[in-house]
Amino acid sequence: QSQALSDGPAILVCNHLHSVLDVMLVKLLDPDCWVVMKSDVISEAPPLLRGPLTAFLQTSLKVLYLTRDGHGRGHDPTIRDRVTAVLRRGGKVLVFAEGRTQRDGPPRTMFHGSLKIAADVGCPVVPVAVGYRPAVGWEEGSALRNVLEVVQRDGGVRARIMCGEAMAPVKPGEGIERRIEFVRCAVEAAYLRCVEEFPDGRAKL
């Protein structure tokens, strides 16, 4: 961890390599932060596990569910109000702005909806990155498949998380597309520090 998170509301924008481990690592920075998570994580689970999984996500992880379209874009008309409510209470919200996972590598193009919310509330945006050695998960795989892949791996997985400097919310008239690319680059820089600081390629938490 490169630095502690400051008090007060913030949107944490993180790369997304593993559907479950990413969330658990960010919870080390702030156990009370809320997480925007795709609603289909429940439907991907076997029927007998859906009830317990729903209870765990709601009580332990503080999930804000997001319904998505077929292109990975959120089209839930309530998510903006729910995220805003958490921020106005002084909480933090974790967002995976890429809208999908990948097995390894720098973050890809990010959606900018979270920056609009941060601007409305007037709260900072904090770039956060996670890195794993060896690489974990399956690109676009289900949450359960990703968990089983790690559990069954011999030798375990090493992980590292780093956060960058908090960024002021976008100002009126400032190009939001340019700002989200700036945020993405900050997340990429943090990711590279996660995985490059260990010569043997085995990161330590």
N, C-alpha and C. Protein backbone atom coordinates (compact mmCIF):
# COMPACT_ATOMS: atom_id res chain seq x y z
N GLN A 1 0.86 -1.19 0.00
CA GLN A 1 0.00 0.00 0.00
C GLN A 1 0.89 1.24 0.00
N SER A 2 0.70 2.13 -0.96
CA SER A 2 1.59 3.27 -1.09
C SER A 2 1.25 4.38 -0.13
N GLN A 3 0.00 4.54 0.22
CA GLN A 3 -0.40 5.57 1.15
C GLN A 3 -1.79 5.25 1.67
N ALA A 4 -2.11 5.80 2.85
CA ALA A 4 -3.43 5.58 3.41
C ALA A 4 -4.44 6.49 2.74
N LEU A 5 -5.68 6.04 2.71
CA LEU A 5 -6.75 6.87 2.17
C LEU A 5 -7.11 7.95 3.19
N SER A 6 -7.37 9.14 2.70
CA SER A 6 -7.77 10.22 3.58
C SER A 6 -9.23 10.05 3.99
N ASP A 7 -9.61 10.73 5.05
CA ASP A 7 -11.00 10.67 5.51
C ASP A 7 -11.90 11.39 4.52
N GLY A 8 -13.19 11.08 4.61
CA GLY A 8 -14.16 11.78 3.78
C GLY A 8 -14.54 11.00 2.54
N PRO A 9 -15.55 11.48 1.84
CA PRO A 9 -16.06 10.77 0.66
C PRO A 9 -15.05 10.76 -0.49
N ALA A 10 -15.09 9.71 -1.28
CA ALA A 10 -14.23 9.60 -2.46
C ALA A 10 -14.72 8.46 -3.32
N ILE A 11 -14.46 8.56 -4.60
CA ILE A 11 -14.69 7.45 -5.52
C ILE A 11 -13.33 6.82 -5.81
N LEU A 12 -13.21 5.54 -5.56
CA LEU A 12 -11.98 4.79 -5.81
C LEU A 12 -12.11 4.11 -7.17
N VAL A 13 -11.27 4.47 -8.11
CA VAL A 13 -11.30 3.88 -9.45
C VAL A 13 -10.16 2.88 -9.55
N CYS A 14 -10.51 1.61 -9.73
CA CYS A 14 -9.52 0.52 -9.67
C CYS A 14 -9.51 -0.30 -10.95
N ASN A 15 -8.35 -0.84 -11.29
CA ASN A 15 -8.30 -1.83 -12.37
C ASN A 15 -9.00 -3.10 -11.90
N HIS A 16 -9.30 -4.00 -12.84
CA HIS A 16 -10.13 -5.16 -12.49
C HIS A 16 -9.53 -6.42 -13.07
N LEU A 17 -8.82 -7.18 -12.23
CA LEU A 17 -8.15 -8.41 -12.66
C LEU A 17 -8.84 -9.66 -12.15
N HIS A 18 -9.50 -9.56 -11.02
CA HIS A 18 -10.16 -10.74 -10.43
C HIS A 18 -11.42 -10.28 -9.73
N SER A 19 -12.53 -10.93 -10.04
CA SER A 19 -13.83 -10.43 -9.59
C SER A 19 -13.96 -10.34 -8.08
N VAL A 20 -13.29 -11.21 -7.33
CA VAL A 20 -13.45 -11.24 -5.88
C VAL A 20 -12.21 -10.69 -5.17
N LEU A 21 -11.02 -11.14 -5.56
CA LEU A 21 -9.81 -10.72 -4.87
C LEU A 21 -9.60 -9.21 -4.94
N ASP A 22 -9.94 -8.59 -6.06
CA ASP A 22 -9.78 -7.14 -6.18
C ASP A 22 -10.55 -6.43 -5.07
N VAL A 23 -11.80 -6.87 -4.86
CA VAL A 23 -12.64 -6.24 -3.84
C VAL A 23 -12.05 -6.43 -2.45
N MET A 24 -11.60 -7.66 -2.16
CA MET A 24 -11.06 -7.94 -0.84
C MET A 24 -9.80 -7.12 -0.56
N LEU A 25 -8.98 -6.90 -1.57
CA LEU A 25 -7.77 -6.10 -1.38
C LEU A 25 -8.11 -4.64 -1.10
N VAL A 26 -9.06 -4.09 -1.84
CA VAL A 26 -9.44 -2.71 -1.62
C VAL A 26 -10.06 -2.54 -0.23
N LYS A 27 -10.72 -3.58 0.25
CA LYS A 27 -11.30 -3.52 1.58
C LYS A 27 -10.22 -3.39 2.66
N LEU A 28 -8.97 -3.74 2.33
CA LEU A 28 -7.88 -3.53 3.27
C LEU A 28 -7.59 -2.04 3.44
N LEU A 29 -7.83 -1.27 2.37
CA LEU A 29 -7.66 0.17 2.46
C LEU A 29 -8.77 0.83 3.26
N ASP A 30 -10.01 0.36 3.05
CA ASP A 30 -11.15 0.91 3.76
C ASP A 30 -12.22 -0.17 3.87
N PRO A 31 -12.31 -0.84 5.02
CA PRO A 31 -13.30 -1.92 5.20
C PRO A 31 -14.73 -1.47 5.02
N ASP A 32 -14.98 -0.16 5.16
CA ASP A 32 -16.35 0.34 5.10
C ASP A 32 -16.74 0.87 3.73
N CYS A 33 -15.86 0.79 2.74
CA CYS A 33 -16.22 1.32 1.43
C CYS A 33 -17.28 0.43 0.76
N TRP A 34 -18.10 1.05 -0.06
CA TRP A 34 -19.11 0.34 -0.83
C TRP A 34 -18.54 -0.04 -2.18
N VAL A 35 -19.12 -1.06 -2.81
CA VAL A 35 -18.59 -1.58 -4.07
C VAL A 35 -19.70 -1.62 -5.12
N VAL A 36 -19.47 -0.99 -6.26
CA VAL A 36 -20.39 -1.12 -7.39
C VAL A 36 -20.06 -2.42 -8.10
N MET A 37 -21.03 -3.32 -8.16
CA MET A 37 -20.80 -4.66 -8.71
C MET A 37 -21.93 -5.04 -9.66
N LYS A 38 -21.59 -5.71 -10.72
CA LYS A 38 -22.60 -6.13 -11.70
C LYS A 38 -23.62 -7.05 -11.03
N SER A 39 -24.89 -6.86 -11.35
CA SER A 39 -25.94 -7.65 -10.73
C SER A 39 -25.94 -9.10 -11.19
N ASP A 40 -25.37 -9.37 -12.37
CA ASP A 40 -25.38 -10.74 -12.87
C ASP A 40 -24.39 -11.64 -12.15
N VAL A 41 -23.63 -11.10 -11.17
CA VAL A 41 -22.75 -11.96 -10.38
C VAL A 41 -23.58 -12.99 -9.61
N ILE A 42 -24.83 -12.65 -9.29
CA ILE A 42 -25.71 -13.59 -8.59
C ILE A 42 -26.21 -14.66 -9.56
N SER A 43 -26.65 -14.26 -10.73
CA SER A 43 -27.19 -15.23 -11.69
C SER A 43 -26.13 -16.18 -12.22
N GLU A 44 -24.86 -15.77 -12.14
CA GLU A 44 -23.77 -16.65 -12.60
C GLU A 44 -23.51 -17.79 -11.62
N ALA A 45 -23.93 -17.64 -10.37
CA ALA A 45 -23.69 -18.66 -9.35
C ALA A 45 -24.70 -19.80 -9.48
N PRO A 46 -24.33 -21.01 -9.04
CA PRO A 46 -25.29 -22.13 -9.02
C PRO A 46 -26.51 -21.76 -8.17
N PRO A 47 -27.69 -22.23 -8.52
CA PRO A 47 -28.92 -21.85 -7.82
C PRO A 47 -28.84 -22.02 -6.30
N LEU A 48 -28.24 -23.10 -5.82
CA LEU A 48 -28.20 -23.34 -4.37
C LEU A 48 -27.31 -22.33 -3.63
N LEU A 49 -26.41 -21.66 -4.34
CA LEU A 49 -25.50 -20.70 -3.70
C LEU A 49 -25.98 -19.26 -3.80
N ARG A 50 -27.04 -19.02 -4.55
CA ARG A 50 -27.44 -17.64 -4.81
C ARG A 50 -27.92 -16.93 -3.55
N GLY A 51 -28.67 -17.62 -2.71
CA GLY A 51 -29.15 -17.01 -1.46
C GLY A 51 -28.02 -16.64 -0.53
N PRO A 52 -27.14 -17.59 -0.17
CA PRO A 52 -26.01 -17.26 0.70
C PRO A 52 -25.08 -16.21 0.10
N LEU A 53 -24.87 -16.29 -1.22
CA LEU A 53 -23.99 -15.32 -1.88
C LEU A 53 -24.58 -13.92 -1.79
N THR A 54 -25.87 -13.81 -2.02
CA THR A 54 -26.53 -12.51 -1.93
C THR A 54 -26.38 -11.92 -0.53
N ALA A 55 -26.59 -12.75 0.49
CA ALA A 55 -26.48 -12.28 1.87
C ALA A 55 -25.05 -11.83 2.19
N PHE A 56 -24.06 -12.60 1.72
CA PHE A 56 -22.66 -12.26 1.97
C PHE A 56 -22.29 -10.94 1.31
N LEU A 57 -22.68 -10.78 0.05
CA LEU A 57 -22.32 -9.56 -0.66
C LEU A 57 -22.96 -8.33 -0.03
N GLN A 58 -24.19 -8.50 0.41
CA GLN A 58 -24.91 -7.35 0.95
C GLN A 58 -24.42 -6.95 2.34
N THR A 59 -24.13 -7.93 3.18
CA THR A 59 -23.76 -7.62 4.57
C THR A 59 -22.26 -7.43 4.76
N SER A 60 -21.45 -8.21 4.06
CA SER A 60 -20.00 -8.16 4.27
C SER A 60 -19.28 -7.21 3.32
N LEU A 61 -19.74 -7.14 2.08
CA LEU A 61 -19.03 -6.33 1.08
C LEU A 61 -19.70 -4.99 0.79
N LYS A 62 -20.95 -4.80 1.26
CA LYS A 62 -21.67 -3.54 1.04
C LYS A 62 -21.74 -3.23 -0.44
N VAL A 63 -22.48 -4.05 -1.16
CA VAL A 63 -22.55 -3.99 -2.62
C VAL A 63 -23.67 -3.06 -3.09
N LEU A 64 -23.37 -2.28 -4.11
CA LEU A 64 -24.36 -1.51 -4.86
C LEU A 64 -24.47 -2.18 -6.23
N TYR A 65 -25.56 -2.89 -6.47
CA TYR A 65 -25.69 -3.66 -7.71
C TYR A 65 -25.95 -2.75 -8.90
N LEU A 66 -25.33 -3.10 -10.02
CA LEU A 66 -25.48 -2.36 -11.27
C LEU A 66 -25.94 -3.31 -12.36
N THR A 67 -27.06 -2.98 -12.98
CA THR A 67 -27.54 -3.75 -14.13
C THR A 67 -26.84 -3.23 -15.38
N ARG A 68 -26.33 -4.15 -16.20
CA ARG A 68 -25.58 -3.75 -17.39
C ARG A 68 -26.26 -4.22 -18.66
N ASP A 69 -25.90 -3.56 -19.77
CA ASP A 69 -26.38 -4.03 -21.07
C ASP A 69 -25.39 -5.02 -21.65
N GLY A 70 -25.62 -5.46 -22.87
CA GLY A 70 -24.77 -6.48 -23.47
C GLY A 70 -23.38 -6.01 -23.82
N HIS A 71 -23.12 -4.69 -23.69
CA HIS A 71 -21.81 -4.15 -24.02
C HIS A 71 -21.01 -3.78 -22.78
N GLY A 72 -21.51 -4.19 -21.61
CA GLY A 72 -20.80 -3.90 -20.38
C GLY A 72 -21.09 -2.54 -19.80
N ARG A 73 -21.98 -1.78 -20.42
CA ARG A 73 -22.34 -0.45 -19.92
C ARG A 73 -23.50 -0.56 -18.93
N GLY A 74 -23.39 0.19 -17.84
CA GLY A 74 -24.47 0.21 -16.88
C GLY A 74 -25.65 0.99 -17.41
N HIS A 75 -26.85 0.43 -17.28
CA HIS A 75 -28.04 1.18 -17.69
C HIS A 75 -29.09 1.15 -16.58
N ASP A 76 -28.61 1.17 -15.35
CA ASP A 76 -29.47 1.18 -14.18
C ASP A 76 -29.76 2.64 -13.79
N PRO A 77 -31.00 3.09 -13.92
CA PRO A 77 -31.30 4.51 -13.64
C PRO A 77 -31.16 4.88 -12.17
N THR A 78 -31.03 3.88 -11.28
CA THR A 78 -30.96 4.18 -9.84
C THR A 78 -29.53 4.23 -9.30
N ILE A 79 -28.55 3.73 -10.06
CA ILE A 79 -27.20 3.59 -9.51
C ILE A 79 -26.58 4.95 -9.18
N ARG A 80 -26.85 5.94 -10.00
CA ARG A 80 -26.29 7.27 -9.75
C ARG A 80 -26.77 7.82 -8.40
N ASP A 81 -28.06 7.69 -8.13
CA ASP A 81 -28.61 8.18 -6.87
C ASP A 81 -28.08 7.39 -5.68
N ARG A 82 -27.90 6.08 -5.85
CA ARG A 82 -27.43 5.26 -4.73
C ARG A 82 -25.96 5.56 -4.40
N VAL A 83 -25.14 5.73 -5.44
CA VAL A 83 -23.73 6.08 -5.20
C VAL A 83 -23.64 7.47 -4.57
N THR A 84 -24.43 8.40 -5.08
CA THR A 84 -24.43 9.76 -4.54
C THR A 84 -24.81 9.77 -3.07
N ALA A 85 -25.79 8.95 -2.70
CA ALA A 85 -26.24 8.90 -1.30
C ALA A 85 -25.12 8.45 -0.38
N VAL A 86 -24.34 7.45 -0.80
CA VAL A 86 -23.22 6.97 0.01
C VAL A 86 -22.17 8.07 0.17
N LEU A 87 -21.86 8.75 -0.93
CA LEU A 87 -20.84 9.81 -0.88
C LEU A 87 -21.29 10.96 0.01
N ARG A 88 -22.55 11.33 -0.06
CA ARG A 88 -23.05 12.46 0.75
C ARG A 88 -23.07 12.11 2.24
N ARG A 89 -23.06 10.82 2.56
CA ARG A 89 -22.96 10.40 3.96
C ARG A 89 -21.51 10.32 4.41
N GLY A 90 -20.58 10.65 3.51
CA GLY A 90 -19.16 10.64 3.86
C GLY A 90 -18.46 9.34 3.55
N GLY A 91 -19.12 8.43 2.82
CA GLY A 91 -18.53 7.14 2.51
C GLY A 91 -17.70 7.15 1.24
N LYS A 92 -17.05 6.04 1.00
CA LYS A 92 -16.26 5.84 -0.22
C LYS A 92 -16.92 4.75 -1.07
N VAL A 93 -16.77 4.86 -2.38
CA VAL A 93 -17.36 3.90 -3.30
C VAL A 93 -16.29 3.41 -4.27
N LEU A 94 -16.16 2.09 -4.36
CA LEU A 94 -15.20 1.46 -5.28
C LEU A 94 -15.89 1.21 -6.62
N VAL A 95 -15.22 1.65 -7.69
CA VAL A 95 -15.76 1.49 -9.04
C VAL A 95 -14.70 0.83 -9.93
N PHE A 96 -15.12 -0.19 -10.67
CA PHE A 96 -14.25 -0.80 -11.68
C PHE A 96 -14.67 -0.22 -13.02
N ALA A 97 -14.05 0.90 -13.39
CA ALA A 97 -14.54 1.70 -14.51
C ALA A 97 -14.31 1.06 -15.88
N GLU A 98 -13.51 -0.01 -15.93
CA GLU A 98 -13.36 -0.71 -17.22
C GLU A 98 -14.62 -1.47 -17.59
N GLY A 99 -15.41 -1.84 -16.59
CA GLY A 99 -16.64 -2.56 -16.86
C GLY A 99 -16.47 -4.03 -17.12
N ARG A 100 -15.25 -4.55 -16.99
CA ARG A 100 -14.98 -5.97 -17.23
C ARG A 100 -13.63 -6.32 -16.64
N THR A 101 -13.37 -7.61 -16.51
CA THR A 101 -12.09 -8.05 -15.97
C THR A 101 -11.15 -8.44 -17.11
N GLN A 102 -9.88 -8.52 -16.79
CA GLN A 102 -8.90 -9.12 -17.68
C GLN A 102 -7.92 -9.90 -16.83
N ARG A 103 -7.23 -10.83 -17.41
CA ARG A 103 -6.37 -11.72 -16.64
C ARG A 103 -5.15 -10.99 -16.07
N ASP A 104 -4.60 -10.07 -16.80
CA ASP A 104 -3.41 -9.35 -16.36
C ASP A 104 -3.21 -8.16 -17.28
N GLY A 105 -2.30 -7.28 -16.91
CA GLY A 105 -1.95 -6.16 -17.76
C GLY A 105 -2.57 -4.85 -17.32
N PRO A 106 -2.12 -3.74 -17.93
CA PRO A 106 -2.61 -2.42 -17.57
C PRO A 106 -4.11 -2.28 -17.86
N PRO A 107 -4.76 -1.33 -17.19
CA PRO A 107 -6.20 -1.15 -17.41
C PRO A 107 -6.51 -0.71 -18.83
N ARG A 108 -7.66 -1.15 -19.31
CA ARG A 108 -8.12 -0.76 -20.63
C ARG A 108 -9.01 0.49 -20.54
N THR A 109 -9.62 0.86 -21.66
CA THR A 109 -10.47 2.04 -21.71
C THR A 109 -11.52 2.01 -20.60
N MET A 110 -11.73 3.16 -19.96
CA MET A 110 -12.66 3.24 -18.83
C MET A 110 -13.88 4.09 -19.18
N PHE A 111 -15.01 3.74 -18.60
CA PHE A 111 -16.22 4.55 -18.70
C PHE A 111 -16.11 5.71 -17.70
N HIS A 112 -16.74 6.84 -18.02
CA HIS A 112 -16.54 8.04 -17.20
C HIS A 112 -17.71 8.41 -16.31
N GLY A 113 -18.71 7.54 -16.18
CA GLY A 113 -19.87 7.87 -15.36
C GLY A 113 -19.55 8.23 -13.93
N SER A 114 -18.55 7.54 -13.35
CA SER A 114 -18.20 7.81 -11.95
C SER A 114 -17.63 9.22 -11.77
N LEU A 115 -16.95 9.74 -12.80
CA LEU A 115 -16.40 11.09 -12.69
C LEU A 115 -17.50 12.14 -12.65
N LYS A 116 -18.60 11.87 -13.36
CA LYS A 116 -19.73 12.81 -13.33
C LYS A 116 -20.34 12.85 -11.93
N ILE A 117 -20.44 11.70 -11.30
CA ILE A 117 -20.98 11.67 -9.94
C ILE A 117 -20.06 12.41 -8.98
N ALA A 118 -18.76 12.18 -9.10
CA ALA A 118 -17.80 12.86 -8.24
C ALA A 118 -17.88 14.37 -8.42
N ALA A 119 -18.09 14.82 -9.65
CA ALA A 119 -18.20 16.26 -9.91
C ALA A 119 -19.45 16.83 -9.27
N ASP A 120 -20.56 16.10 -9.35
CA ASP A 120 -21.81 16.57 -8.75
C ASP A 120 -21.69 16.69 -7.23
N VAL A 121 -21.02 15.72 -6.61
CA VAL A 121 -20.90 15.70 -5.16
C VAL A 121 -19.77 16.61 -4.69
N GLY A 122 -18.75 16.79 -5.55
CA GLY A 122 -17.59 17.57 -5.17
C GLY A 122 -16.56 16.79 -4.39
N CYS A 123 -16.49 15.50 -4.64
CA CYS A 123 -15.54 14.64 -3.92
C CYS A 123 -14.39 14.24 -4.83
N PRO A 124 -13.24 13.87 -4.27
CA PRO A 124 -12.09 13.47 -5.08
C PRO A 124 -12.25 12.08 -5.69
N VAL A 125 -11.42 11.83 -6.68
CA VAL A 125 -11.31 10.51 -7.31
C VAL A 125 -9.92 9.98 -7.00
N VAL A 126 -9.84 8.75 -6.48
CA VAL A 126 -8.56 8.17 -6.08
C VAL A 126 -8.24 6.97 -6.98
N PRO A 127 -7.13 7.03 -7.72
CA PRO A 127 -6.72 5.88 -8.54
C PRO A 127 -6.16 4.78 -7.65
N VAL A 128 -6.61 3.56 -7.86
CA VAL A 128 -6.17 2.40 -7.08
C VAL A 128 -5.82 1.28 -8.05
N ALA A 129 -4.79 0.52 -7.72
CA ALA A 129 -4.39 -0.59 -8.59
C ALA A 129 -4.05 -1.82 -7.77
N VAL A 130 -4.40 -2.98 -8.33
CA VAL A 130 -4.03 -4.26 -7.75
C VAL A 130 -3.20 -5.02 -8.77
N GLY A 131 -2.32 -5.87 -8.27
CA GLY A 131 -1.51 -6.71 -9.13
C GLY A 131 -1.27 -8.05 -8.49
N TYR A 132 -1.16 -9.10 -9.29
CA TYR A 132 -1.01 -10.46 -8.78
C TYR A 132 0.13 -11.15 -9.52
N ARG A 133 0.80 -12.03 -8.80
CA ARG A 133 1.81 -12.90 -9.39
C ARG A 133 1.69 -14.27 -8.74
N PRO A 134 1.44 -15.32 -9.55
CA PRO A 134 1.18 -15.25 -10.99
C PRO A 134 -0.18 -14.65 -11.28
N ALA A 135 -0.46 -14.39 -12.57
CA ALA A 135 -1.73 -13.79 -12.97
C ALA A 135 -2.88 -14.68 -12.51
N VAL A 136 -4.03 -14.06 -12.25
CA VAL A 136 -5.17 -14.79 -11.73
C VAL A 136 -6.40 -14.56 -12.59
N GLY A 137 -7.38 -15.45 -12.41
CA GLY A 137 -8.69 -15.26 -13.03
C GLY A 137 -8.72 -15.61 -14.50
N TRP A 138 -9.92 -15.52 -15.02
CA TRP A 138 -10.17 -15.77 -16.43
C TRP A 138 -10.85 -14.55 -17.00
N GLU A 139 -10.37 -14.06 -18.12
CA GLU A 139 -10.98 -12.88 -18.72
C GLU A 139 -12.45 -13.12 -19.00
N GLU A 140 -13.31 -12.24 -18.49
CA GLU A 140 -14.76 -12.34 -18.64
C GLU A 140 -15.32 -13.61 -18.01
N GLY A 141 -14.58 -14.23 -17.09
CA GLY A 141 -15.08 -15.42 -16.42
C GLY A 141 -16.05 -15.08 -15.31
N SER A 142 -16.81 -16.07 -14.86
CA SER A 142 -17.73 -15.85 -13.76
C SER A 142 -16.96 -15.71 -12.45
N ALA A 143 -17.61 -15.10 -11.45
CA ALA A 143 -16.96 -14.91 -10.16
C ALA A 143 -16.59 -16.25 -9.53
N LEU A 144 -17.49 -17.23 -9.61
CA LEU A 144 -17.23 -18.53 -9.02
C LEU A 144 -16.05 -19.21 -9.70
N ARG A 145 -15.98 -19.14 -11.00
CA ARG A 145 -14.87 -19.75 -11.73
C ARG A 145 -13.55 -19.12 -11.34
N ASN A 146 -13.55 -17.80 -11.16
CA ASN A 146 -12.32 -17.11 -10.76
C ASN A 146 -11.88 -17.53 -9.37
N VAL A 147 -12.84 -17.67 -8.45
CA VAL A 147 -12.50 -18.09 -7.09
C VAL A 147 -11.91 -19.49 -7.09
N LEU A 148 -12.55 -20.41 -7.78
CA LEU A 148 -12.08 -21.80 -7.82
C LEU A 148 -10.70 -21.89 -8.46
N GLU A 149 -10.43 -21.04 -9.45
CA GLU A 149 -9.14 -21.08 -10.13
C GLU A 149 -8.01 -20.74 -9.16
N VAL A 150 -8.25 -19.80 -8.24
CA VAL A 150 -7.24 -19.41 -7.27
C VAL A 150 -7.11 -20.45 -6.16
N VAL A 151 -8.25 -20.94 -5.67
CA VAL A 151 -8.24 -21.91 -4.57
C VAL A 151 -7.50 -23.18 -4.95
N GLN A 152 -7.65 -23.61 -6.20
CA GLN A 152 -7.07 -24.86 -6.65
C GLN A 152 -5.61 -24.73 -7.09
N ARG A 153 -5.08 -23.53 -7.10
CA ARG A 153 -3.73 -23.32 -7.62
C ARG A 153 -2.68 -23.71 -6.59
N ASP A 154 -1.72 -24.51 -7.00
CA ASP A 154 -0.62 -24.88 -6.13
C ASP A 154 0.30 -23.68 -5.92
N GLY A 155 0.73 -23.49 -4.68
CA GLY A 155 1.66 -22.42 -4.39
C GLY A 155 1.02 -21.09 -4.06
N GLY A 156 -0.30 -20.99 -4.23
CA GLY A 156 -1.00 -19.77 -3.88
C GLY A 156 -0.73 -18.62 -4.82
N VAL A 157 -1.15 -17.44 -4.40
CA VAL A 157 -1.03 -16.23 -5.20
C VAL A 157 -0.51 -15.10 -4.31
N ARG A 158 0.45 -14.32 -4.81
CA ARG A 158 0.91 -13.13 -4.12
C ARG A 158 0.19 -11.92 -4.69
N ALA A 159 -0.12 -10.95 -3.85
CA ALA A 159 -0.89 -9.79 -4.31
C ALA A 159 -0.32 -8.51 -3.72
N ARG A 160 -0.59 -7.41 -4.42
CA ARG A 160 -0.17 -6.10 -3.94
C ARG A 160 -1.21 -5.07 -4.36
N ILE A 161 -1.44 -4.07 -3.51
CA ILE A 161 -2.37 -3.00 -3.84
C ILE A 161 -1.70 -1.67 -3.55
N MET A 162 -1.93 -0.69 -4.43
CA MET A 162 -1.35 0.64 -4.25
C MET A 162 -2.40 1.67 -4.66
N CYS A 163 -2.38 2.83 -3.98
CA CYS A 163 -3.26 3.91 -4.39
C CYS A 163 -2.44 5.15 -4.70
N GLY A 164 -2.90 5.90 -5.67
CA GLY A 164 -2.20 7.12 -6.06
C GLY A 164 -2.75 8.34 -5.34
N GLU A 165 -2.32 9.48 -5.78
CA GLU A 165 -2.77 10.74 -5.19
C GLU A 165 -4.22 11.01 -5.57
N ALA A 166 -4.99 11.51 -4.60
CA ALA A 166 -6.38 11.86 -4.87
C ALA A 166 -6.43 13.00 -5.88
N MET A 167 -7.41 12.91 -6.79
CA MET A 167 -7.58 13.91 -7.84
C MET A 167 -8.85 14.71 -7.59
N ALA A 168 -8.78 16.02 -7.80
CA ALA A 168 -9.95 16.87 -7.65
C ALA A 168 -11.00 16.49 -8.69
N PRO A 169 -12.28 16.68 -8.37
CA PRO A 169 -13.32 16.35 -9.36
C PRO A 169 -13.21 17.23 -10.59
N VAL A 170 -13.72 16.71 -11.70
CA VAL A 170 -13.66 17.44 -12.96
C VAL A 170 -14.46 18.74 -12.84
N LYS A 171 -13.94 19.82 -13.44
CA LYS A 171 -14.58 21.12 -13.38
C LYS A 171 -15.52 21.33 -14.56
N PRO A 172 -16.52 22.19 -14.41
CA PRO A 172 -17.41 22.51 -15.54
C PRO A 172 -16.60 23.00 -16.73
N GLY A 173 -16.88 22.44 -17.88
CA GLY A 173 -16.16 22.84 -19.08
C GLY A 173 -14.91 22.03 -19.36
N GLU A 174 -14.45 21.28 -18.37
CA GLU A 174 -13.27 20.43 -18.58
C GLU A 174 -13.68 19.16 -19.30
N GLY A 175 -12.90 18.73 -20.24
CA GLY A 175 -13.24 17.54 -21.02
C GLY A 175 -13.22 16.28 -20.16
N ILE A 176 -14.37 15.63 -20.02
CA ILE A 176 -14.43 14.47 -19.15
C ILE A 176 -13.74 13.26 -19.77
N GLU A 177 -13.75 13.18 -21.11
CA GLU A 177 -13.05 12.08 -21.78
C GLU A 177 -11.54 12.18 -21.53
N ARG A 178 -11.04 13.41 -21.55
CA ARG A 178 -9.62 13.60 -21.28
C ARG A 178 -9.31 13.25 -19.83
N ARG A 179 -10.21 13.64 -18.91
CA ARG A 179 -9.96 13.37 -17.49
C ARG A 179 -9.99 11.87 -17.18
N ILE A 180 -10.93 11.11 -17.77
CA ILE A 180 -10.98 9.69 -17.46
C ILE A 180 -9.74 8.99 -18.00
N GLU A 181 -9.18 9.47 -19.10
CA GLU A 181 -7.94 8.89 -19.60
C GLU A 181 -6.78 9.23 -18.66
N PHE A 182 -6.82 10.41 -18.07
CA PHE A 182 -5.81 10.79 -17.08
C PHE A 182 -5.91 9.87 -15.86
N VAL A 183 -7.13 9.60 -15.42
CA VAL A 183 -7.33 8.68 -14.30
C VAL A 183 -6.83 7.29 -14.67
N ARG A 184 -7.16 6.83 -15.88
CA ARG A 184 -6.72 5.51 -16.32
C ARG A 184 -5.20 5.41 -16.32
N CYS A 185 -4.54 6.46 -16.77
CA CYS A 185 -3.07 6.46 -16.78
C CYS A 185 -2.50 6.40 -15.36
N ALA A 186 -3.17 7.07 -14.42
CA ALA A 186 -2.72 7.03 -13.02
C ALA A 186 -2.90 5.63 -12.44
N VAL A 187 -4.00 4.96 -12.79
CA VAL A 187 -4.21 3.59 -12.35
C VAL A 187 -3.16 2.68 -12.98
N GLU A 188 -2.85 2.90 -14.25
CA GLU A 188 -1.83 2.10 -14.92
C GLU A 188 -0.47 2.27 -14.26
N ALA A 189 -0.11 3.50 -13.91
CA ALA A 189 1.17 3.75 -13.25
C ALA A 189 1.25 3.02 -11.92
N ALA A 190 0.14 3.03 -11.17
CA ALA A 190 0.11 2.32 -9.89
C ALA A 190 0.20 0.81 -10.11
N TYR A 191 -0.47 0.32 -11.15
CA TYR A 191 -0.40 -1.12 -11.46
C TYR A 191 1.03 -1.53 -11.79
N LEU A 192 1.70 -0.74 -12.59
CA LEU A 192 3.08 -1.08 -12.97
C LEU A 192 3.99 -1.09 -11.75
N ARG A 193 3.75 -0.19 -10.79
CA ARG A 193 4.54 -0.22 -9.56
C ARG A 193 4.24 -1.50 -8.78
N CYS A 194 2.98 -1.94 -8.83
CA CYS A 194 2.61 -3.17 -8.12
C CYS A 194 3.41 -4.37 -8.60
N VAL A 195 3.57 -4.48 -9.90
CA VAL A 195 4.14 -5.71 -10.46
C VAL A 195 5.61 -5.60 -10.83
N GLU A 196 6.17 -4.40 -10.85
CA GLU A 196 7.55 -4.24 -11.29
C GLU A 196 8.53 -4.07 -10.14
N GLU A 197 8.05 -3.82 -8.93
CA GLU A 197 8.96 -3.58 -7.82
C GLU A 197 9.57 -4.86 -7.26
N PHE A 198 9.15 -5.99 -7.77
CA PHE A 198 9.64 -7.27 -7.26
C PHE A 198 10.40 -7.99 -8.37
N PRO A 199 11.72 -8.02 -8.30
CA PRO A 199 12.53 -8.60 -9.37
C PRO A 199 12.17 -10.03 -9.71
N ASP A 200 11.73 -10.81 -8.70
CA ASP A 200 11.41 -12.20 -8.97
C ASP A 200 9.99 -12.36 -9.49
N GLY A 201 9.26 -11.23 -9.64
CA GLY A 201 7.91 -11.31 -10.19
C GLY A 201 6.88 -11.81 -9.21
N ARG A 202 7.27 -12.01 -7.94
CA ARG A 202 6.32 -12.53 -6.96
C ARG A 202 6.02 -11.42 -5.95
N ALA A 203 4.89 -10.74 -6.18
CA ALA A 203 4.54 -9.62 -5.33
C ALA A 203 4.13 -10.08 -3.94
N LYS A 204 4.36 -9.23 -2.97
CA LYS A 204 4.02 -9.55 -1.58
C LYS A 204 2.98 -8.55 -1.09
N LEU A 205 1.99 -9.05 -0.35
CA LEU A 205 0.96 -8.18 0.19
C LEU A 205 1.46 -7.55 1.50
